[in-house]
Every structure is written in C-alpha cells, then in structure tokens.
Protein backbone atom coordinates (compact mmCIF):
# COMPACT_ATOMS: atom_id res chain seq x y z
CA VAL A 1 -11.01 9.83 -7.52
CA ARG A 2 -12.31 7.86 -3.67
CA PHE A 3 -9.55 7.73 -1.51
CA ILE A 4 -9.45 4.86 1.26
CA THR A 5 -7.12 4.33 4.49
CA SER A 6 -6.87 1.36 6.13
CA ALA A 7 -9.70 2.74 8.47
CA ASN A 8 -12.03 3.03 6.06
CA MET A 9 -11.38 6.94 5.61
CA LEU A 10 -11.44 8.76 2.57
CA LEU A 11 -8.21 8.44 0.78
CA THR A 12 -6.71 6.65 -2.14
CA PHE A 13 -8.28 4.38 -4.41
CA PHE A 14 -8.50 3.07 -8.05
CA PRO A 15 -10.91 5.82 -9.91
CA SER A 16 -13.83 3.87 -11.49
CA SER A 17 -13.89 6.96 -13.23
CA PHE A 18 -10.45 6.40 -14.95
CA LEU A 19 -11.60 2.34 -16.40
CA PRO A 20 -13.31 2.51 -19.50
CA SER A 21 -17.35 1.93 -19.11
CA GLY A 22 -17.97 -1.55 -17.69
CA GLU A 23 -14.23 -2.58 -17.10
CA SER A 24 -13.38 -3.78 -13.66
CA ASN A 25 -9.70 -3.18 -12.12
CA SER A 26 -8.76 -6.41 -14.19
CA ALA A 27 -8.78 -4.53 -17.55
CA VAL A 28 -6.74 -1.80 -16.08
CA SER A 29 -2.94 -2.08 -17.75
CA THR A 30 -0.06 -3.42 -14.93
CA GLU A 31 1.57 -0.08 -14.82
CA ASP A 32 -1.52 1.45 -13.94
CA LEU A 33 -2.09 -1.12 -11.56
CA LYS A 34 1.24 -0.74 -10.03
CA GLU A 35 0.85 3.00 -9.40
CA CYS A 36 -2.77 2.67 -7.96
CA LEU A 37 -1.01 0.08 -5.59
CA LYS A 38 2.02 2.84 -4.95
CA LYS A 39 -0.10 5.42 -4.37
CA GLN A 40 -1.93 3.45 -1.56
CA LEU A 41 0.75 2.09 -0.20
CA GLU A 42 3.05 5.23 0.54
CA PHE A 43 0.35 6.75 1.75
CA TRP A 44 0.09 4.16 4.23
CA PHE A 45 3.27 4.10 5.12
CA SER A 46 4.04 7.92 5.30
CA ARG A 47 4.78 9.42 8.73
CA GLU A 48 1.46 11.79 8.88
CA ASN A 49 -0.74 8.35 8.24
CA LEU A 50 1.44 6.38 10.59
CA SER A 51 1.38 8.60 13.08
CA LYS A 52 -2.70 8.48 13.22
CA ASP A 53 -3.63 4.64 11.69
CA LEU A 54 -4.30 2.65 14.81
CA TYR A 55 -4.77 -0.53 12.55
CA LEU A 56 -1.00 -0.51 11.11
CA ILE A 57 0.53 0.44 14.28
CA SER A 58 -1.41 -2.43 16.10
CA GLN A 59 0.27 -4.36 13.17
CA MET A 60 4.06 -3.55 13.73
CA ASP A 61 6.85 -5.24 15.68
CA ARG A 62 9.57 -3.46 17.68
CA ASP A 63 11.13 -2.31 14.55
CA GLN A 64 8.20 -0.96 13.16
CA PHE A 65 7.69 -3.43 10.68
CA ILE A 66 4.60 -4.94 9.46
CA PRO A 67 4.30 -8.30 8.12
CA ILE A 68 4.02 -8.03 4.06
CA TRP A 69 1.05 -10.60 4.60
CA THR A 70 -1.33 -7.87 6.62
CA VAL A 71 -0.69 -5.78 3.78
CA VAL A 72 -1.86 -8.07 1.26
CA ASN A 73 -4.51 -9.17 3.26
CA MET A 74 -5.81 -5.63 3.40
CA GLU A 75 -9.55 -5.00 1.60
CA GLU A 76 -8.36 -2.13 -0.38
CA ILE A 77 -5.48 -4.11 -1.58
CA LYS A 78 -7.25 -6.99 -2.20
CA LYS A 79 -9.57 -5.02 -4.55
CA LEU A 80 -6.56 -4.05 -7.30
CA THR A 81 -4.86 -7.33 -6.89
CA THR A 82 -4.28 -10.18 -4.92
CA ASP A 83 -1.15 -11.07 -6.32
CA PRO A 84 1.63 -11.14 -3.21
CA ASP A 85 4.51 -10.85 -6.10
CA VAL A 86 2.93 -7.32 -7.41
CA ILE A 87 2.81 -6.09 -3.96
CA LEU A 88 6.37 -6.64 -3.45
CA GLU A 89 7.55 -5.79 -6.20
CA VAL A 90 5.56 -2.28 -5.79
CA LEU A 91 6.93 -2.11 -2.13
CA SER A 92 10.17 -2.69 -3.23
CA SER A 93 10.52 -0.15 -6.10
CA SER A 94 9.34 2.71 -3.68
CA PRO A 95 11.63 4.78 -2.16
CA MET A 96 9.49 5.60 0.72
CA VAL A 97 9.59 1.97 2.07
CA GLN A 98 11.90 -0.56 3.00
CA ILE A 99 11.52 -4.55 3.01
CA ASP A 100 13.20 -6.29 5.47
CA GLU A 101 16.29 -9.05 4.34
CA LYS A 102 13.90 -11.75 4.29
CA GLY A 103 11.12 -9.74 2.18
CA LYS A 104 8.53 -10.90 4.85
CA LYS A 105 8.14 -6.90 6.26
CA VAL A 106 7.54 -3.51 5.34
CA SER A 107 8.32 -0.07 7.13
CA GLN A 108 8.78 3.27 6.06
CA VAL A 109 11.90 4.80 5.72
CA ILE A 110 13.03 6.70 8.45
CA SER A 111 15.14 9.80 7.43
CA VAL A 112 17.77 11.27 9.44
CA VAL A 113 18.87 14.83 8.85
CA LEU A 114 22.13 15.29 9.91
C-alpha cells in the first residue's frame, strides 16, 4: 500500500496491488474507489495532518474551511477521480469532516469535550 499526503510524503493511495493485473483505477468498483477517497480525505483533514500540512493550512479561510474545489484539484485525488460529485458525496458521508451550508467548503469536525 502506498500512502501520499498533499505534501507528497508517503501516506495513502489506492494500492496497485489491489488492482487485478493490467487494470487501472477506472476498473475498480465505485465502492472501493469511495473507500480509498474516504481514507485519503480523512487523513488530510485529521488533526495530526492539519497541524503540519502547510499547503492545506494556506488554503483555509478564517473559519478553517478549505474550498472543495481545492480538494478536487489535488493531484492525488485526480488520480482516483475527477468527478466532484463523488468527492462531495464521500466528504458528506464522513463523520470526520463537515461541509458548509452552501456545499462549497470543507473542514475537519472539531470535537468538543464537555
């Protein structure tokens, strides 16, 4: 399994060993693709990564949201899919991230302990 961060450090990418011989990511089931996207996106929006990922930090607005278009255009994501609806669906289904009211920006979920 190869892992990639937005800073091109090793972290998570769809493993070529997972794919049948000679097949590309386009031959992978939609559910497997979504699971791979979910793992990558949840890593990027994890507290551990966001505390040191200078690129994602630079893309944040004052409310710590990042435009979804920024995520869609990341090379690691484009290798998996260029369909923004699939990416938005995966982001929306994750309990680790939140989408703004307009569906244009994403942020990590901040847990508050009472």
